Amino acid sequence: MNEAIGQSLPFAVGVGLSPIPIIAVVLMLATPRARVNGPAFLVGWVVGLAIVGGIVLVVAGGLDAAGDDGPATWVSVVQLALGALLVLLGVKQWRGRPRGDEEAALPKWMATVDHFGPAKALGFGAVLSGANPKNLLLTVGAAAAIGQTGIEAGQETIALAVFIVVGSIGVGGPIVIYFVLGERSQRLLDGLKSWMATNNAVIMAVLILVIGAKLVGDGISGL
């Protein structure tokens, strides 16, 4: 089980440090419905990761991801493909980073978070964690890494739970700060939001490139 947790941690860090979801939850915490929408977003985030990770683990178990002398060949192929996709995404993210005094472009839906209700906050949390292309690839990679170790289903569940906890620190941290500090948290959260917005492309490009290179290496070594 320790191997499974160790293999999935880099992916969890990549998911947990995704700037856009962190900015989204900080924006929600500045609205009148902060005490409801913030936790709802976090619940949706956890559910999204759990659904994607759970599906991949079930598929990996049915297809015998763990061979007698290491990962099955198809797992290495999947790792190679995921790694290549992540490298391409990382290069695209790096090339699209703001230059000089250029302001970072943020999704247009962020301007509508003031009107979110709990259900919409929960739904957006699930979409950003489970359906966002970058997080989807990272979660699939993490679950595949867990599945290839050949551990029992109960241990796989624990390893996936650790991945989800680590992958939720980024969006959960601002919520904890908000509830602990109250109104005093606003200045700190505003600074976090501004820094994440400015460095979004660079943060994700570096993380994705490193994890993508790791997956490509794992896939090549397994073939």
C-alpha atoms as a PDB file:
ATOM      1  CA  MET A   1       0.000   0.000   0.000  1.00  0.00           C
ATOM      2  CA  ASN A   2       2.872   2.372   0.738  1.00  0.00           C
ATOM      3  CA  GLU A   3       4.073   1.973  -2.832  1.00  0.00           C
ATOM      4  CA  ALA A   4       0.607   2.849  -4.157  1.00  0.00           C
ATOM      5  CA  ILE A   5       0.431   5.974  -1.989  1.00  0.00           C
ATOM      6  CA  GLY A   6       3.937   7.004  -3.003  1.00  0.00           C
ATOM      7  CA  GLN A   7       3.184   6.508  -6.707  1.00  0.00           C
ATOM      8  CA  SER A   8       0.005   8.619  -6.516  1.00  0.00           C
ATOM      9  CA  LEU A   9       1.387  11.519  -4.435  1.00  0.00           C
ATOM     10  CA  PRO A  10       2.968  13.481  -7.335  1.00  0.00           C
ATOM     11  CA  PHE A  11      -0.394  13.422  -9.106  1.00  0.00           C
ATOM     12  CA  ALA A  12      -2.157  14.534  -5.908  1.00  0.00           C
ATOM     13  CA  VAL A  13       0.183  17.513  -5.592  1.00  0.00           C
ATOM     14  CA  GLY A  14      -0.531  18.455  -9.212  1.00  0.00           C
ATOM     15  CA  VAL A  15      -4.275  18.358  -8.551  1.00  0.00           C
ATOM     16  CA  GLY A  16      -4.016  20.126  -5.197  1.00  0.00           C
ATOM     17  CA  LEU A  17      -2.018  23.058  -6.552  1.00  0.00           C
ATOM     18  CA  SER A  18      -4.322  23.783  -9.502  1.00  0.00           C
ATOM     19  CA  PRO A  19      -4.659  27.600  -9.360  1.00  0.00           C
ATOM     20  CA  ILE A  20      -8.043  28.036 -11.089  1.00  0.00           C
ATOM     21  CA  PRO A  21     -10.061  26.005  -8.527  1.00  0.00           C
ATOM     22  CA  ILE A  22      -8.231  27.750  -5.674  1.00  0.00           C
ATOM     23  CA  ILE A  23      -9.080  31.153  -7.155  1.00  0.00           C
ATOM     24  CA  ALA A  24     -12.693  30.029  -7.614  1.00  0.00           C
ATOM     25  CA  VAL A  25     -13.121  28.998  -3.986  1.00  0.00           C
ATOM     26  CA  VAL A  26     -11.473  32.215  -2.758  1.00  0.00           C
ATOM     27  CA  LEU A  27     -13.946  34.217  -4.848  1.00  0.00           C
ATOM     28  CA  MET A  28     -16.817  32.243  -3.335  1.00  0.00           C
ATOM     29  CA  LEU A  29     -15.538  32.995   0.153  1.00  0.00           C
ATOM     30  CA  ALA A  30     -15.918  36.712  -0.576  1.00  0.00           C
ATOM     31  CA  THR A  31     -19.671  36.371  -1.259  1.00  0.00           C
ATOM     32  CA  PRO A  32     -22.607  36.525   1.204  1.00  0.00           C
ATOM     33  CA  ARG A  33     -23.114  32.745   0.804  1.00  0.00           C
ATOM     34  CA  ALA A  34     -19.502  31.933   1.665  1.00  0.00           C
ATOM     35  CA  ARG A  35     -20.317  29.714   4.654  1.00  0.00           C
ATOM     36  CA  VAL A  36     -22.468  27.465   2.484  1.00  0.00           C
ATOM     37  CA  ASN A  37     -20.909  27.691  -0.963  1.00  0.00           C
ATOM     38  CA  GLY A  38     -17.317  27.153   0.177  1.00  0.00           C
ATOM     39  CA  PRO A  39     -17.975  23.785   1.839  1.00  0.00           C
ATOM     40  CA  ALA A  40     -20.354  22.792  -0.986  1.00  0.00           C
ATOM     41  CA  PHE A  41     -17.599  23.424  -3.539  1.00  0.00           C
ATOM     42  CA  LEU A  42     -15.190  21.291  -1.483  1.00  0.00           C
ATOM     43  CA  VAL A  43     -17.702  18.433  -1.264  1.00  0.00           C
ATOM     44  CA  GLY A  44     -18.204  18.545  -5.033  1.00  0.00           C
ATOM     45  CA  TRP A  45     -14.434  18.578  -5.533  1.00  0.00           C
ATOM     46  CA  VAL A  46     -13.988  15.459  -3.388  1.00  0.00           C
ATOM     47  CA  VAL A  47     -16.883  13.668  -5.111  1.00  0.00           C
ATOM     48  CA  GLY A  48     -15.442  14.414  -8.556  1.00  0.00           C
ATOM     49  CA  LEU A  49     -12.039  12.992  -7.645  1.00  0.00           C
ATOM     50  CA  ALA A  50     -13.614   9.948  -5.989  1.00  0.00           C
ATOM     51  CA  ILE A  51     -15.807   9.131  -8.986  1.00  0.00           C
ATOM     52  CA  VAL A  52     -13.012   9.347 -11.556  1.00  0.00           C
ATOM     53  CA  GLY A  53     -10.503   7.535  -9.344  1.00  0.00           C
ATOM     54  CA  GLY A  54     -13.004   4.837  -8.405  1.00  0.00           C
ATOM     55  CA  ILE A  55     -13.955   4.145 -12.023  1.00  0.00           C
ATOM     56  CA  VAL A  56     -10.315   3.801 -13.072  1.00  0.00           C
ATOM     57  CA  LEU A  57      -9.581   1.436 -10.167  1.00  0.00           C
ATOM     58  CA  VAL A  58     -12.548  -0.763 -11.071  1.00  0.00           C
ATOM     59  CA  VAL A  59     -11.479  -0.890 -14.719  1.00  0.00           C
ATOM     60  CA  ALA A  60      -7.845  -1.543 -13.786  1.00  0.00           C
ATOM     61  CA  GLY A  61      -8.907  -4.383 -11.484  1.00  0.00           C
ATOM     62  CA  GLY A  62     -11.067  -5.973 -14.166  1.00  0.00           C
ATOM     63  CA  LEU A  63      -8.273  -5.804 -16.720  1.00  0.00           C
ATOM     64  CA  ASP A  64      -5.539  -7.125 -14.380  1.00  0.00           C
ATOM     65  CA  ALA A  65      -3.381  -4.020 -14.236  1.00  0.00           C
ATOM     66  CA  ALA A  66      -0.767  -5.831 -12.140  1.00  0.00           C
ATOM     67  CA  GLY A  67       1.160  -8.588 -13.904  1.00  0.00           C
ATOM     68  CA  ASP A  68       3.345 -11.270 -12.338  1.00  0.00           C
ATOM     69  CA  ASP A  69       6.554  -9.315 -12.882  1.00  0.00           C
ATOM     70  CA  GLY A  70       5.246  -5.730 -12.859  1.00  0.00           C
ATOM     71  CA  PRO A  71       2.539  -3.601 -14.458  1.00  0.00           C
ATOM     72  CA  ALA A  72       0.577  -5.099 -17.361  1.00  0.00           C
ATOM     73  CA  THR A  73       1.651  -3.956 -20.814  1.00  0.00           C
ATOM     74  CA  TRP A  74      -1.562  -2.003 -21.361  1.00  0.00           C
ATOM     75  CA  VAL A  75      -0.880   0.007 -18.196  1.00  0.00           C
ATOM     76  CA  SER A  76       2.514   1.068 -19.560  1.00  0.00           C
ATOM     77  CA  VAL A  77       0.863   2.073 -22.838  1.00  0.00           C
ATOM     78  CA  VAL A  78      -1.726   4.126 -20.947  1.00  0.00           C
ATOM     79  CA  GLN A  79       1.019   5.763 -18.879  1.00  0.00           C
ATOM     80  CA  LEU A  80       2.951   6.621 -22.026  1.00  0.00           C
ATOM     81  CA  ALA A  81      -0.150   8.119 -23.674  1.00  0.00           C
ATOM     82  CA  LEU A  82      -1.156  10.091 -20.562  1.00  0.00           C
ATOM     83  CA  GLY A  83       2.394  11.333 -20.137  1.00  0.00           C
ATOM     84  CA  ALA A  84       2.567  12.513 -23.735  1.00  0.00           C
ATOM     85  CA  LEU A  85      -0.764  14.344 -23.367  1.00  0.00           C
ATOM     86  CA  LEU A  86       0.397  16.023 -20.164  1.00  0.00           C
ATOM     87  CA  VAL A  87       3.655  17.131 -21.769  1.00  0.00           C
ATOM     88  CA  LEU A  88       1.712  18.657 -24.664  1.00  0.00           C
ATOM     89  CA  LEU A  89      -0.644  20.400 -22.221  1.00  0.00           C
ATOM     90  CA  GLY A  90       2.327  21.656 -20.233  1.00  0.00           C
ATOM     91  CA  VAL A  91       3.998  23.090 -23.321  1.00  0.00           C
ATOM     92  CA  LYS A  92       0.727  24.751 -24.356  1.00  0.00           C
ATOM     93  CA  GLN A  93       0.292  26.189 -20.864  1.00  0.00           C
ATOM     94  CA  TRP A  94       3.842  27.541 -20.847  1.00  0.00           C
ATOM     95  CA  ARG A  95       3.498  29.137 -24.266  1.00  0.00           C
ATOM     96  CA  GLY A  96       0.217  30.766 -23.182  1.00  0.00           C
ATOM     97  CA  ARG A  97       1.658  32.351 -20.029  1.00  0.00           C
ATOM     98  CA  PRO A  98       1.321  36.145 -19.640  1.00  0.00           C
ATOM     99  CA  ARG A  99       4.338  38.133 -20.846  1.00  0.00           C
ATOM    100  CA  GLY A 100       5.619  41.318 -19.236  1.00  0.00           C
ATOM    101  CA  ASP A 101       2.756  43.401 -17.826  1.00  0.00           C
ATOM    102  CA  GLU A 102       0.102  41.319 -19.573  1.00  0.00           C
ATOM    103  CA  GLU A 103      -2.699  40.278 -17.221  1.00  0.00           C
ATOM    104  CA  ALA A 104      -3.561  36.611 -16.883  1.00  0.00           C
ATOM    105  CA  ALA A 105      -6.845  35.640 -18.526  1.00  0.00           C
ATOM    106  CA  LEU A 106      -9.290  33.908 -16.193  1.00  0.00           C
ATOM    107  CA  PRO A 107     -12.415  31.914 -17.162  1.00  0.00           C
ATOM    108  CA  LYS A 108     -15.448  34.139 -17.761  1.00  0.00           C
ATOM    109  CA  TRP A 109     -17.614  32.068 -15.412  1.00  0.00           C
ATOM    110  CA  MET A 110     -15.601  33.359 -12.448  1.00  0.00           C
ATOM    111  CA  ALA A 111     -17.433  36.675 -12.779  1.00  0.00           C
ATOM    112  CA  THR A 112     -20.693  34.857 -11.961  1.00  0.00           C
ATOM    113  CA  VAL A 113     -19.730  33.214  -8.644  1.00  0.00           C
ATOM    114  CA  ASP A 114     -21.604  35.937  -6.725  1.00  0.00           C
ATOM    115  CA  HIS A 115     -24.826  34.359  -7.986  1.00  0.00           C
ATOM    116  CA  PHE A 116     -23.923  30.743  -7.179  1.00  0.00           C
ATOM    117  CA  GLY A 117     -26.175  28.753  -4.881  1.00  0.00           C
ATOM    118  CA  PRO A 118     -24.961  25.668  -2.938  1.00  0.00           C
ATOM    119  CA  ALA A 119     -26.050  23.253  -5.680  1.00  0.00           C
ATOM    120  CA  LYS A 120     -24.188  25.170  -8.377  1.00  0.00           C
ATOM    121  CA  ALA A 121     -21.103  25.502  -6.153  1.00  0.00           C
ATOM    122  CA  LEU A 122     -21.155  21.750  -5.546  1.00  0.00           C
ATOM    123  CA  GLY A 123     -21.570  21.056  -9.263  1.00  0.00           C
ATOM    124  CA  PHE A 124     -18.706  23.351 -10.225  1.00  0.00           C
ATOM    125  CA  GLY A 125     -16.493  21.688  -7.629  1.00  0.00           C
ATOM    126  CA  ALA A 126     -17.197  18.286  -9.156  1.00  0.00           C
ATOM    127  CA  VAL A 127     -16.640  19.543 -12.714  1.00  0.00           C
ATOM    128  CA  LEU A 128     -13.352  21.290 -11.906  1.00  0.00           C
ATOM    129  CA  SER A 129     -11.955  18.222 -10.137  1.00  0.00           C
ATOM    130  CA  GLY A 130     -13.335  15.389 -12.246  1.00  0.00           C
ATOM    131  CA  ALA A 131     -14.004  16.807 -15.705  1.00  0.00           C
ATOM    132  CA  ASN A 132     -11.301  19.464 -16.081  1.00  0.00           C
ATOM    133  CA  PRO A 133      -8.893  17.984 -18.686  1.00  0.00           C
ATOM    134  CA  LYS A 134      -5.708  18.542 -16.646  1.00  0.00           C
ATOM    135  CA  ASN A 135      -7.143  17.184 -13.396  1.00  0.00           C
ATOM    136  CA  LEU A 136      -8.832  14.325 -15.242  1.00  0.00           C
ATOM    137  CA  LEU A 137      -5.518  13.183 -16.714  1.00  0.00           C
ATOM    138  CA  LEU A 138      -3.778  13.518 -13.335  1.00  0.00           C
ATOM    139  CA  THR A 139      -6.502  11.567 -11.515  1.00  0.00           C
ATOM    140  CA  VAL A 140      -6.521   8.815 -14.127  1.00  0.00           C
ATOM    141  CA  GLY A 141      -2.742   8.629 -13.844  1.00  0.00           C
ATOM    142  CA  ALA A 142      -2.929   8.389 -10.053  1.00  0.00           C
ATOM    143  CA  ALA A 143      -5.589   5.681 -10.068  1.00  0.00           C
ATOM    144  CA  ALA A 144      -3.689   3.713 -12.717  1.00  0.00           C
ATOM    145  CA  ALA A 145      -0.534   3.970 -10.595  1.00  0.00           C
ATOM    146  CA  ILE A 146      -2.465   2.606  -7.608  1.00  0.00           C
ATOM    147  CA  GLY A 147      -4.076  -0.165  -9.637  1.00  0.00           C
ATOM    148  CA  GLN A 148      -0.804  -1.428 -11.100  1.00  0.00           C
ATOM    149  CA  THR A 149       0.609  -2.238  -7.655  1.00  0.00           C
ATOM    150  CA  GLY A 150      -1.684  -5.255  -7.309  1.00  0.00           C
ATOM    151  CA  ILE A 151      -2.763  -4.529  -3.717  1.00  0.00           C
ATOM    152  CA  GLU A 152      -6.134  -5.586  -2.289  1.00  0.00           C
ATOM    153  CA  ALA A 153      -9.275  -3.547  -2.935  1.00  0.00           C
ATOM    154  CA  GLY A 154      -9.405  -2.201   0.613  1.00  0.00           C
ATOM    155  CA  GLN A 155      -5.830  -0.958   0.389  1.00  0.00           C
ATOM    156  CA  GLU A 156      -6.553   0.591  -3.014  1.00  0.00           C
ATOM    157  CA  THR A 157      -9.419   2.493  -1.416  1.00  0.00           C
ATOM    158  CA  ILE A 158      -7.136   3.815   1.328  1.00  0.00           C
ATOM    159  CA  ALA A 159      -4.497   4.858  -1.209  1.00  0.00           C
ATOM    160  CA  LEU A 160      -7.158   6.632  -3.291  1.00  0.00           C
ATOM    161  CA  ALA A 161      -8.457   8.353  -0.141  1.00  0.00           C
ATOM    162  CA  VAL A 162      -4.948   9.663   0.593  1.00  0.00           C
ATOM    163  CA  PHE A 163      -4.727  10.944  -2.983  1.00  0.00           C
ATOM    164  CA  ILE A 164      -8.077  12.735  -2.589  1.00  0.00           C
ATOM    165  CA  VAL A 165      -7.089  14.311   0.738  1.00  0.00           C
ATOM    166  CA  VAL A 166      -3.787  15.636  -0.623  1.00  0.00           C
ATOM    167  CA  GLY A 167      -5.448  16.699  -3.862  1.00  0.00           C
ATOM    168  CA  SER A 168      -8.050  18.676  -1.889  1.00  0.00           C
ATOM    169  CA  ILE A 169      -5.625  20.677   0.264  1.00  0.00           C
ATOM    170  CA  GLY A 170      -5.459  23.502  -2.271  1.00  0.00           C
ATOM    171  CA  VAL A 171      -9.210  24.186  -2.276  1.00  0.00           C
ATOM    172  CA  GLY A 172      -9.750  23.134   1.322  1.00  0.00           C
ATOM    173  CA  GLY A 173      -7.025  25.378   2.753  1.00  0.00           C
ATOM    174  CA  PRO A 174      -8.751  28.707   1.989  1.00  0.00           C
ATOM    175  CA  ILE A 175     -12.003  27.371   3.456  1.00  0.00           C
ATOM    176  CA  VAL A 176     -10.280  26.414   6.700  1.00  0.00           C
ATOM    177  CA  ILE A 177      -8.565  29.827   6.838  1.00  0.00           C
ATOM    178  CA  TYR A 178     -11.922  31.547   6.286  1.00  0.00           C
ATOM    179  CA  PHE A 179     -13.682  29.696   9.097  1.00  0.00           C
ATOM    180  CA  VAL A 180     -10.762  30.083  11.514  1.00  0.00           C
ATOM    181  CA  LEU A 181      -9.966  33.754  10.887  1.00  0.00           C
ATOM    182  CA  GLY A 182     -13.334  35.070   9.749  1.00  0.00           C
ATOM    183  CA  GLU A 183     -13.186  38.574   8.266  1.00  0.00           C
ATOM    184  CA  ARG A 184      -9.469  38.792   9.050  1.00  0.00           C
ATOM    185  CA  SER A 185      -8.852  36.149   6.377  1.00  0.00           C
ATOM    186  CA  GLN A 186      -9.926  38.405   3.515  1.00  0.00           C
ATOM    187  CA  ARG A 187      -6.599  40.181   3.040  1.00  0.00           C
ATOM    188  CA  LEU A 188      -4.682  36.896   3.140  1.00  0.00           C
ATOM    189  CA  LEU A 189      -7.074  35.223   0.700  1.00  0.00           C
ATOM    190  CA  ASP A 190      -7.018  38.196  -1.667  1.00  0.00           C
ATOM    191  CA  GLY A 191      -3.229  38.004  -1.764  1.00  0.00           C
ATOM    192  CA  LEU A 192      -3.393  34.268  -2.474  1.00  0.00           C
ATOM    193  CA  LYS A 193      -5.918  34.838  -5.258  1.00  0.00           C
ATOM    194  CA  SER A 194      -3.800  37.533  -6.909  1.00  0.00           C
ATOM    195  CA  TRP A 195      -0.622  35.461  -6.734  1.00  0.00           C
ATOM    196  CA  MET A 196      -2.352  32.360  -8.119  1.00  0.00           C
ATOM    197  CA  ALA A 197      -3.936  34.350 -10.944  1.00  0.00           C
ATOM    198  CA  THR A 198      -0.609  35.907 -11.933  1.00  0.00           C
ATOM    199  CA  ASN A 199       1.336  32.627 -11.818  1.00  0.00           C
ATOM    200  CA  ASN A 200      -1.385  30.207 -12.925  1.00  0.00           C
ATOM    201  CA  ALA A 201       0.170  29.288 -16.282  1.00  0.00           C
ATOM    202  CA  VAL A 202       3.705  28.884 -14.927  1.00  0.00           C
ATOM    203  CA  ILE A 203       2.626  26.780 -11.924  1.00  0.00           C
ATOM    204  CA  MET A 204       0.563  24.386 -13.998  1.00  0.00           C
ATOM    205  CA  ALA A 205       3.091  24.206 -16.846  1.00  0.00           C
ATOM    206  CA  VAL A 206       5.913  23.159 -14.517  1.00  0.00           C
ATOM    207  CA  LEU A 207       3.787  20.648 -12.576  1.00  0.00           C
ATOM    208  CA  ILE A 208       2.290  19.096 -15.690  1.00  0.00           C
ATOM    209  CA  LEU A 209       5.608  18.845 -17.511  1.00  0.00           C
ATOM    210  CA  VAL A 210       7.308  17.154 -14.553  1.00  0.00           C
ATOM    211  CA  ILE A 211       4.474  14.666 -13.983  1.00  0.00           C
ATOM    212  CA  GLY A 212       4.095  14.070 -17.717  1.00  0.00           C
ATOM    213  CA  ALA A 213       7.812  13.301 -18.043  1.00  0.00           C
ATOM    214  CA  LYS A 214       7.538  10.893 -15.103  1.00  0.00           C
ATOM    215  CA  LEU A 215       4.639   9.068 -16.755  1.00  0.00           C
ATOM    216  CA  VAL A 216       6.476   8.820 -20.069  1.00  0.00           C
ATOM    217  CA  GLY A 217       9.499   7.394 -18.255  1.00  0.00           C
ATOM    218  CA  ASP A 218       7.351   4.892 -16.319  1.00  0.00           C
ATOM    219  CA  GLY A 219       5.587   3.843 -19.510  1.00  0.00           C
ATOM    220  CA  ILE A 220       8.825   3.328 -21.428  1.00  0.00           C
ATOM    221  CA  SER A 221      10.429   1.341 -18.591  1.00  0.00           C
ATOM    222  CA  GLY A 222       7.373  -0.918 -18.355  1.00  0.00           C
ATOM    223  CA  LEU A 223       7.344  -1.865 -22.039  1.00  0.00           C
END
